[in-house]
Amino acid sequence: MVERELVVNASTGLHARPATLLVKKASSFKSDLSIEFNGKKANIKSLIGVLSLGVVKGANIKLVASGDDETLAVEELAKLINTLE
């Protein structure tokens, strides 16, 4: 299992467009992927799940991956989150 903590810098947090990009990217990996925020956890491959967390700009989140490509998945998702505006 691989975990990584990040700060969301996107101006809208992880809403609509940024969440859609994140879900699309996450869906390309085999590993089980989740995101944690404010004590809640959601599957990153579920748009409804990601949106339900209500992640805002400046939020501290944790990415958790478990599976064959867990390290690559966390790396790529972290890179995507860090480049969102």
PDB file of N, CA and C in Angstrom:
ATOM      1  N   MET A   1       0.841  -1.180   0.000  1.00  0.00           N
ATOM      2  CA  MET A   1       0.000   0.000   0.000  1.00  0.00           C
ATOM      3  C   MET A   1       0.889   1.247   0.000  1.00  0.00           C
ATOM      4  N   VAL A   2       0.512   2.223  -0.813  1.00  0.00           N
ATOM      5  CA  VAL A   2       1.254   3.475  -0.915  1.00  0.00           C
ATOM      6  C   VAL A   2       0.318   4.616  -0.543  1.00  0.00           C
ATOM      7  N   GLU A   3       0.814   5.532   0.293  1.00  0.00           N
ATOM      8  CA  GLU A   3       0.027   6.704   0.682  1.00  0.00           C
ATOM      9  C   GLU A   3       0.824   7.963   0.400  1.00  0.00           C
ATOM     10  N   ARG A   4       0.106   9.031   0.075  1.00  0.00           N
ATOM     11  CA  ARG A   4       0.773  10.319  -0.157  1.00  0.00           C
ATOM     12  C   ARG A   4      -0.162  11.450   0.217  1.00  0.00           C
ATOM     13  N   GLU A   5       0.352  12.399   0.988  1.00  0.00           N
ATOM     14  CA  GLU A   5      -0.455  13.557   1.374  1.00  0.00           C
ATOM     15  C   GLU A   5      -0.124  14.726   0.470  1.00  0.00           C
ATOM     16  N   LEU A   6      -1.156  15.487   0.109  1.00  0.00           N
ATOM     17  CA  LEU A   6      -1.015  16.618  -0.804  1.00  0.00           C
ATOM     18  C   LEU A   6      -1.889  17.772  -0.357  1.00  0.00           C
ATOM     19  N   VAL A   7      -1.582  18.956  -0.886  1.00  0.00           N
ATOM     20  CA  VAL A   7      -2.449  20.116  -0.709  1.00  0.00           C
ATOM     21  C   VAL A   7      -3.029  20.435  -2.082  1.00  0.00           C
ATOM     22  N   VAL A   8      -4.347  20.602  -2.147  1.00  0.00           N
ATOM     23  CA  VAL A   8      -5.028  20.906  -3.409  1.00  0.00           C
ATOM     24  C   VAL A   8      -4.913  22.406  -3.680  1.00  0.00           C
ATOM     25  N   ASN A   9      -4.294  22.766  -4.814  1.00  0.00           N
ATOM     26  CA  ASN A   9      -4.101  24.174  -5.151  1.00  0.00           C
ATOM     27  C   ASN A   9      -5.052  24.678  -6.231  1.00  0.00           C
ATOM     28  N   ALA A  10      -5.866  23.780  -6.795  1.00  0.00           N
ATOM     29  CA  ALA A  10      -6.818  24.194  -7.840  1.00  0.00           C
ATOM     30  C   ALA A  10      -7.803  25.189  -7.253  1.00  0.00           C
ATOM     31  N   SER A  11      -8.075  26.261  -7.999  1.00  0.00           N
ATOM     32  CA  SER A  11      -8.926  27.340  -7.482  1.00  0.00           C
ATOM     33  C   SER A  11     -10.327  26.869  -7.100  1.00  0.00           C
ATOM     34  N   THR A  12     -10.826  25.831  -7.759  1.00  0.00           N
ATOM     35  CA  THR A  12     -12.166  25.323  -7.431  1.00  0.00           C
ATOM     36  C   THR A  12     -12.108  24.061  -6.577  1.00  0.00           C
ATOM     37  N   GLY A  13     -10.923  23.690  -6.113  1.00  0.00           N
ATOM     38  CA  GLY A  13     -10.786  22.448  -5.367  1.00  0.00           C
ATOM     39  C   GLY A  13     -10.942  21.278  -6.328  1.00  0.00           C
ATOM     40  N   LEU A  14     -11.532  20.192  -5.851  1.00  0.00           N
ATOM     41  CA  LEU A  14     -11.753  19.038  -6.728  1.00  0.00           C
ATOM     42  C   LEU A  14     -13.238  18.962  -7.091  1.00  0.00           C
ATOM     43  N   HIS A  15     -13.693  19.928  -7.857  1.00  0.00           N
ATOM     44  CA  HIS A  15     -15.077  19.966  -8.314  1.00  0.00           C
ATOM     45  C   HIS A  15     -15.112  19.747  -9.810  1.00  0.00           C
ATOM     46  N   ALA A  16     -16.274  19.489 -10.354  1.00  0.00           N
ATOM     47  CA  ALA A  16     -16.561  19.247 -11.766  1.00  0.00           C
ATOM     48  C   ALA A  16     -15.370  18.873 -12.653  1.00  0.00           C
ATOM     49  N   ARG A  17     -14.755  19.866 -13.314  1.00  0.00           N
ATOM     50  CA  ARG A  17     -13.703  19.571 -14.288  1.00  0.00           C
ATOM     51  C   ARG A  17     -12.480  18.897 -13.654  1.00  0.00           C
ATOM     52  N   PRO A  18     -11.910  19.429 -12.581  1.00  0.00           N
ATOM     53  CA  PRO A  18     -10.737  18.774 -11.995  1.00  0.00           C
ATOM     54  C   PRO A  18     -11.053  17.350 -11.508  1.00  0.00           C
ATOM     55  N   ALA A  19     -12.221  17.152 -10.941  1.00  0.00           N
ATOM     56  CA  ALA A  19     -12.602  15.826 -10.454  1.00  0.00           C
ATOM     57  C   ALA A  19     -12.736  14.848 -11.622  1.00  0.00           C
ATOM     58  N   THR A  20     -13.305  15.323 -12.730  1.00  0.00           N
ATOM     59  CA  THR A  20     -13.458  14.480 -13.914  1.00  0.00           C
ATOM     60  C   THR A  20     -12.099  14.043 -14.443  1.00  0.00           C
ATOM     61  N   LEU A  21     -11.146  14.966 -14.501  1.00  0.00           N
ATOM     62  CA  LEU A  21      -9.792  14.633 -14.959  1.00  0.00           C
ATOM     63  C   LEU A  21      -9.145  13.603 -14.031  1.00  0.00           C
ATOM     64  N   LEU A  22      -9.345  13.786 -12.744  1.00  0.00           N
ATOM     65  CA  LEU A  22      -8.772  12.874 -11.755  1.00  0.00           C
ATOM     66  C   LEU A  22      -9.359  11.463 -11.893  1.00  0.00           C
ATOM     67  N   VAL A  23     -10.666  11.372 -12.047  1.00  0.00           N
ATOM     68  CA  VAL A  23     -11.337  10.077 -12.186  1.00  0.00           C
ATOM     69  C   VAL A  23     -10.887   9.367 -13.469  1.00  0.00           C
ATOM     70  N   LYS A  24     -10.773  10.128 -14.569  1.00  0.00           N
ATOM     71  CA  LYS A  24     -10.325   9.534 -15.834  1.00  0.00           C
ATOM     72  C   LYS A  24      -8.920   8.960 -15.689  1.00  0.00           C
ATOM     73  N   LYS A  25      -8.034   9.713 -15.063  1.00  0.00           N
ATOM     74  CA  LYS A  25      -6.655   9.266 -14.864  1.00  0.00           C
ATOM     75  C   LYS A  25      -6.625   8.041 -13.953  1.00  0.00           C
ATOM     76  N   ALA A  26      -7.375   8.083 -12.859  1.00  0.00           N
ATOM     77  CA  ALA A  26      -7.395   6.976 -11.896  1.00  0.00           C
ATOM     78  C   ALA A  26      -7.922   5.695 -12.535  1.00  0.00           C
ATOM     79  N   SER A  27      -8.872   5.839 -13.431  1.00  0.00           N
ATOM     80  CA  SER A  27      -9.488   4.671 -14.072  1.00  0.00           C
ATOM     81  C   SER A  27      -8.530   3.919 -14.985  1.00  0.00           C
ATOM     82  N   SER A  28      -7.405   4.539 -15.325  1.00  0.00           N
ATOM     83  CA  SER A  28      -6.431   3.871 -16.191  1.00  0.00           C
ATOM     84  C   SER A  28      -5.505   2.929 -15.412  1.00  0.00           C
ATOM     85  N   PHE A  29      -5.641   2.897 -14.085  1.00  0.00           N
ATOM     86  CA  PHE A  29      -4.803   2.029 -13.247  1.00  0.00           C
ATOM     87  C   PHE A  29      -5.595   0.843 -12.720  1.00  0.00           C
ATOM     88  N   LYS A  30      -4.897  -0.255 -12.464  1.00  0.00           N
ATOM     89  CA  LYS A  30      -5.535  -1.469 -11.944  1.00  0.00           C
ATOM     90  C   LYS A  30      -5.734  -1.412 -10.433  1.00  0.00           C
ATOM     91  N   SER A  31      -4.884  -0.681  -9.742  1.00  0.00           N
ATOM     92  CA  SER A  31      -4.909  -0.640  -8.277  1.00  0.00           C
ATOM     93  C   SER A  31      -6.217  -0.082  -7.728  1.00  0.00           C
ATOM     94  N   ASP A  32      -6.512  -0.454  -6.476  1.00  0.00           N
ATOM     95  CA  ASP A  32      -7.616   0.168  -5.747  1.00  0.00           C
ATOM     96  C   ASP A  32      -7.105   1.528  -5.288  1.00  0.00           C
ATOM     97  N   LEU A  33      -7.823   2.583  -5.625  1.00  0.00           N
ATOM     98  CA  LEU A  33      -7.379   3.939  -5.318  1.00  0.00           C
ATOM     99  C   LEU A  33      -8.443   4.678  -4.521  1.00  0.00           C
ATOM    100  N   SER A  34      -8.009   5.349  -3.457  1.00  0.00           N
ATOM    101  CA  SER A  34      -8.963   6.148  -2.692  1.00  0.00           C
ATOM    102  C   SER A  34      -8.339   7.476  -2.299  1.00  0.00           C
ATOM    103  N   ILE A  35      -9.230   8.393  -1.959  1.00  0.00           N
ATOM    104  CA  ILE A  35      -8.824   9.724  -1.534  1.00  0.00           C
ATOM    105  C   ILE A  35      -9.488   9.987  -0.187  1.00  0.00           C
ATOM    106  N   GLU A  36      -8.731  10.558   0.741  1.00  0.00           N
ATOM    107  CA  GLU A  36      -9.262  10.851   2.069  1.00  0.00           C
ATOM    108  C   GLU A  36      -9.206  12.354   2.324  1.00  0.00           C
ATOM    109  N   PHE A  37     -10.302  12.882   2.881  1.00  0.00           N
ATOM    110  CA  PHE A  37     -10.389  14.303   3.210  1.00  0.00           C
ATOM    111  C   PHE A  37     -11.372  14.483   4.357  1.00  0.00           C
ATOM    112  N   ASN A  38     -10.970  15.213   5.371  1.00  0.00           N
ATOM    113  CA  ASN A  38     -11.849  15.512   6.508  1.00  0.00           C
ATOM    114  C   ASN A  38     -12.444  14.271   7.160  1.00  0.00           C
ATOM    115  N   GLY A  39     -11.661  13.212   7.258  1.00  0.00           N
ATOM    116  CA  GLY A  39     -12.141  11.993   7.886  1.00  0.00           C
ATOM    117  C   GLY A  39     -13.038  11.134   7.009  1.00  0.00           C
ATOM    118  N   LYS A  40     -13.262  11.563   5.771  1.00  0.00           N
ATOM    119  CA  LYS A  40     -14.089  10.786   4.845  1.00  0.00           C
ATOM    120  C   LYS A  40     -13.197  10.183   3.766  1.00  0.00           C
ATOM    121  N   LYS A  41     -13.657   9.079   3.190  1.00  0.00           N
ATOM    122  CA  LYS A  41     -12.870   8.368   2.192  1.00  0.00           C
ATOM    123  C   LYS A  41     -13.752   8.067   0.988  1.00  0.00           C
ATOM    124  N   ALA A  42     -13.176   8.172  -0.230  1.00  0.00           N
ATOM    125  CA  ALA A  42     -13.939   7.865  -1.446  1.00  0.00           C
ATOM    126  C   ALA A  42     -13.042   7.179  -2.463  1.00  0.00           C
ATOM    127  N   ASN A  43     -13.662   6.379  -3.305  1.00  0.00           N
ATOM    128  CA  ASN A  43     -12.972   5.725  -4.408  1.00  0.00           C
ATOM    129  C   ASN A  43     -12.668   6.797  -5.465  1.00  0.00           C
ATOM    130  N   ILE A  44     -11.404   6.927  -5.866  1.00  0.00           N
ATOM    131  CA  ILE A  44     -11.031   7.958  -6.837  1.00  0.00           C
ATOM    132  C   ILE A  44     -11.589   7.638  -8.222  1.00  0.00           C
ATOM    133  N   LYS A  45     -11.977   6.411  -8.450  1.00  0.00           N
ATOM    134  CA  LYS A  45     -12.526   6.041  -9.761  1.00  0.00           C
ATOM    135  C   LYS A  45     -14.016   6.370  -9.864  1.00  0.00           C
ATOM    136  N   SER A  46     -14.581   6.932  -8.805  1.00  0.00           N
ATOM    137  CA  SER A  46     -15.997   7.301  -8.780  1.00  0.00           C
ATOM    138  C   SER A  46     -16.145   8.820  -8.724  1.00  0.00           C
ATOM    139  N   LEU A  47     -16.690   9.400  -9.789  1.00  0.00           N
ATOM    140  CA  LEU A  47     -16.877  10.856  -9.829  1.00  0.00           C
ATOM    141  C   LEU A  47     -17.775  11.320  -8.688  1.00  0.00           C
ATOM    142  N   ILE A  48     -18.864  10.615  -8.456  1.00  0.00           N
ATOM    143  CA  ILE A  48     -19.780  10.977  -7.366  1.00  0.00           C
ATOM    144  C   ILE A  48     -19.043  10.921  -6.026  1.00  0.00           C
ATOM    145  N   GLY A  49     -18.224   9.890  -5.855  1.00  0.00           N
ATOM    146  CA  GLY A  49     -17.461   9.746  -4.618  1.00  0.00           C
ATOM    147  C   GLY A  49     -16.522  10.915  -4.381  1.00  0.00           C
ATOM    148  N   VAL A  50     -15.768  11.290  -5.416  1.00  0.00           N
ATOM    149  CA  VAL A  50     -14.812  12.406  -5.302  1.00  0.00           C
ATOM    150  C   VAL A  50     -15.562  13.710  -5.029  1.00  0.00           C
ATOM    151  N   LEU A  51     -16.629  13.957  -5.761  1.00  0.00           N
ATOM    152  CA  LEU A  51     -17.397  15.193  -5.576  1.00  0.00           C
ATOM    153  C   LEU A  51     -18.040  15.255  -4.193  1.00  0.00           C
ATOM    154  N   SER A  52     -18.456  14.103  -3.672  1.00  0.00           N
ATOM    155  CA  SER A  52     -19.141  14.074  -2.370  1.00  0.00           C
ATOM    156  C   SER A  52     -18.231  14.494  -1.216  1.00  0.00           C
ATOM    157  N   LEU A  53     -16.914  14.426  -1.420  1.00  0.00           N
ATOM    158  CA  LEU A  53     -15.981  14.840  -0.364  1.00  0.00           C
ATOM    159  C   LEU A  53     -15.951  16.353  -0.190  1.00  0.00           C
ATOM    160  N   GLY A  54     -16.285  17.096  -1.246  1.00  0.00           N
ATOM    161  CA  GLY A  54     -16.291  18.559  -1.160  1.00  0.00           C
ATOM    162  C   GLY A  54     -14.905  19.147  -0.929  1.00  0.00           C
ATOM    163  N   VAL A  55     -13.911  18.632  -1.619  1.00  0.00           N
ATOM    164  CA  VAL A  55     -12.529  19.100  -1.440  1.00  0.00           C
ATOM    165  C   VAL A  55     -12.387  20.520  -2.002  1.00  0.00           C
ATOM    166  N   VAL A  56     -11.913  21.447  -1.172  1.00  0.00           N
ATOM    167  CA  VAL A  56     -11.772  22.849  -1.563  1.00  0.00           C
ATOM    168  C   VAL A  56     -10.297  23.215  -1.736  1.00  0.00           C
ATOM    169  N   LYS A  57     -10.057  24.388  -2.309  1.00  0.00           N
ATOM    170  CA  LYS A  57      -8.683  24.880  -2.486  1.00  0.00           C
ATOM    171  C   LYS A  57      -7.997  24.963  -1.119  1.00  0.00           C
ATOM    172  N   GLY A  58      -6.765  24.506  -1.080  1.00  0.00           N
ATOM    173  CA  GLY A  58      -5.986  24.546   0.157  1.00  0.00           C
ATOM    174  C   GLY A  58      -6.200  23.345   1.064  1.00  0.00           C
ATOM    175  N   ALA A  59      -7.061  22.420   0.651  1.00  0.00           N
ATOM    176  CA  ALA A  59      -7.356  21.239   1.466  1.00  0.00           C
ATOM    177  C   ALA A  59      -6.187  20.262   1.486  1.00  0.00           C
ATOM    178  N   ASN A  60      -5.978  19.641   2.631  1.00  0.00           N
ATOM    179  CA  ASN A  60      -4.995  18.561   2.758  1.00  0.00           C
ATOM    180  C   ASN A  60      -5.720  17.252   2.484  1.00  0.00           C
ATOM    181  N   ILE A  61      -5.249  16.511   1.491  1.00  0.00           N
ATOM    182  CA  ILE A  61      -5.864  15.236   1.152  1.00  0.00           C
ATOM    183  C   ILE A  61      -4.817  14.133   1.218  1.00  0.00           C
ATOM    184  N   LYS A  62      -5.288  12.901   1.265  1.00  0.00           N
ATOM    185  CA  LYS A  62      -4.377  11.760   1.232  1.00  0.00           C
ATOM    186  C   LYS A  62      -4.820  10.831   0.116  1.00  0.00           C
ATOM    187  N   LEU A  63      -3.875  10.446  -0.739  1.00  0.00           N
ATOM    188  CA  LEU A  63      -4.130   9.457  -1.771  1.00  0.00           C
ATOM    189  C   LEU A  63      -3.643   8.115  -1.239  1.00  0.00           C
ATOM    190  N   VAL A  64      -4.441   7.074  -1.426  1.00  0.00           N
ATOM    191  CA  VAL A  64      -4.071   5.742  -0.970  1.00  0.00           C
ATOM    192  C   VAL A  64      -4.264   4.777  -2.132  1.00  0.00           C
ATOM    193  N   ALA A  65      -3.231   3.989  -2.418  1.00  0.00           N
ATOM    194  CA  ALA A  65      -3.295   3.020  -3.516  1.00  0.00           C
ATOM    195  C   ALA A  65      -2.836   1.657  -3.032  1.00  0.00           C
ATOM    196  N   SER A  66      -3.508   0.632  -3.540  1.00  0.00           N
ATOM    197  CA  SER A  66      -3.139  -0.732  -3.194  1.00  0.00           C
ATOM    198  C   SER A  66      -3.339  -1.611  -4.428  1.00  0.00           C
ATOM    199  N   GLY A  67      -2.240  -2.220  -4.906  1.00  0.00           N
ATOM    200  CA  GLY A  67      -2.345  -3.071  -6.078  1.00  0.00           C
ATOM    201  C   GLY A  67      -1.049  -3.132  -6.860  1.00  0.00           C
ATOM    202  N   ASP A  68      -1.128  -3.735  -8.041  1.00  0.00           N
ATOM    203  CA  ASP A  68       0.058  -3.973  -8.870  1.00  0.00           C
ATOM    204  C   ASP A  68       0.793  -2.704  -9.272  1.00  0.00           C
ATOM    205  N   ASP A  69       0.048  -1.646  -9.602  1.00  0.00           N
ATOM    206  CA  ASP A  69       0.682  -0.406 -10.092  1.00  0.00           C
ATOM    207  C   ASP A  69       0.502   0.748  -9.108  1.00  0.00           C
ATOM    208  N   GLU A  70       0.465   0.429  -7.807  1.00  0.00           N
ATOM    209  CA  GLU A  70       0.173   1.425  -6.778  1.00  0.00           C
ATOM    210  C   GLU A  70       1.142   2.605  -6.762  1.00  0.00           C
ATOM    211  N   THR A  71       2.434   2.345  -6.893  1.00  0.00           N
ATOM    212  CA  THR A  71       3.421   3.430  -6.839  1.00  0.00           C
ATOM    213  C   THR A  71       3.252   4.382  -8.014  1.00  0.00           C
ATOM    214  N   LEU A  72       3.131   3.834  -9.205  1.00  0.00           N
ATOM    215  CA  LEU A  72       2.936   4.651 -10.397  1.00  0.00           C
ATOM    216  C   LEU A  72       1.620   5.422 -10.311  1.00  0.00           C
ATOM    217  N   ALA A  73       0.579   4.781  -9.836  1.00  0.00           N
ATOM    218  CA  ALA A  73      -0.733   5.429  -9.730  1.00  0.00           C
ATOM    219  C   ALA A  73      -0.670   6.656  -8.825  1.00  0.00           C
ATOM    220  N   VAL A  74      -0.087   6.501  -7.641  1.00  0.00           N
ATOM    221  CA  VAL A  74      -0.003   7.630  -6.705  1.00  0.00           C
ATOM    222  C   VAL A  74       0.859   8.744  -7.288  1.00  0.00           C
ATOM    223  N   GLU A  75       1.970   8.373  -7.931  1.00  0.00           N
ATOM    224  CA  GLU A  75       2.842   9.372  -8.566  1.00  0.00           C
ATOM    225  C   GLU A  75       2.090  10.190  -9.612  1.00  0.00           C
ATOM    226  N   GLU A  76       1.403   9.490 -10.515  1.00  0.00           N
ATOM    227  CA  GLU A  76       0.698  10.154 -11.612  1.00  0.00           C
ATOM    228  C   GLU A  76      -0.485  10.999 -11.114  1.00  0.00           C
ATOM    229  N   LEU A  77      -1.231  10.480 -10.142  1.00  0.00           N
ATOM    230  CA  LEU A  77      -2.363  11.245  -9.611  1.00  0.00           C
ATOM    231  C   LEU A  77      -1.886  12.481  -8.850  1.00  0.00           C
ATOM    232  N   ALA A  78      -0.798  12.346  -8.109  1.00  0.00           N
ATOM    233  CA  ALA A  78      -0.245  13.490  -7.384  1.00  0.00           C
ATOM    234  C   ALA A  78       0.226  14.559  -8.367  1.00  0.00           C
ATOM    235  N   LYS A  79       0.864  14.117  -9.444  1.00  0.00           N
ATOM    236  CA  LYS A  79       1.337  15.051 -10.472  1.00  0.00           C
ATOM    237  C   LYS A  79       0.156  15.803 -11.080  1.00  0.00           C
ATOM    238  N   LEU A  80      -0.917  15.070 -11.374  1.00  0.00           N
ATOM    239  CA  LEU A  80      -2.117  15.705 -11.952  1.00  0.00           C
ATOM    240  C   LEU A  80      -2.719  16.727 -10.981  1.00  0.00           C
ATOM    241  N   ILE A  81      -2.886  16.340  -9.728  1.00  0.00           N
ATOM    242  CA  ILE A  81      -3.470  17.256  -8.729  1.00  0.00           C
ATOM    243  C   ILE A  81      -2.620  18.508  -8.582  1.00  0.00           C
ATOM    244  N   ASN A  82      -1.302  18.343  -8.602  1.00  0.00           N
ATOM    245  CA  ASN A  82      -0.401  19.493  -8.446  1.00  0.00           C
ATOM    246  C   ASN A  82      -0.415  20.433  -9.659  1.00  0.00           C
ATOM    247  N   THR A  83      -0.863  19.956 -10.819  1.00  0.00           N
ATOM    248  CA  THR A  83      -0.877  20.823 -12.014  1.00  0.00           C
ATOM    249  C   THR A  83      -2.253  21.434 -12.274  1.00  0.00           C
ATOM    250  N   LEU A  84      -3.272  21.028 -11.504  1.00  0.00           N
ATOM    251  CA  LEU A  84      -4.617  21.601 -11.702  1.00  0.00           C
ATOM    252  C   LEU A  84      -4.626  23.057 -11.274  1.00  0.00           C
ATOM    253  N   GLU A  85      -5.366  23.869 -12.022  1.00  0.00           N
ATOM    254  CA  GLU A  85      -5.440  25.302 -11.682  1.00  0.00           C
ATOM    255  C   GLU A  85      -6.826  25.692 -11.269  1.00  0.00           C
TER     256      GLU A  85
END
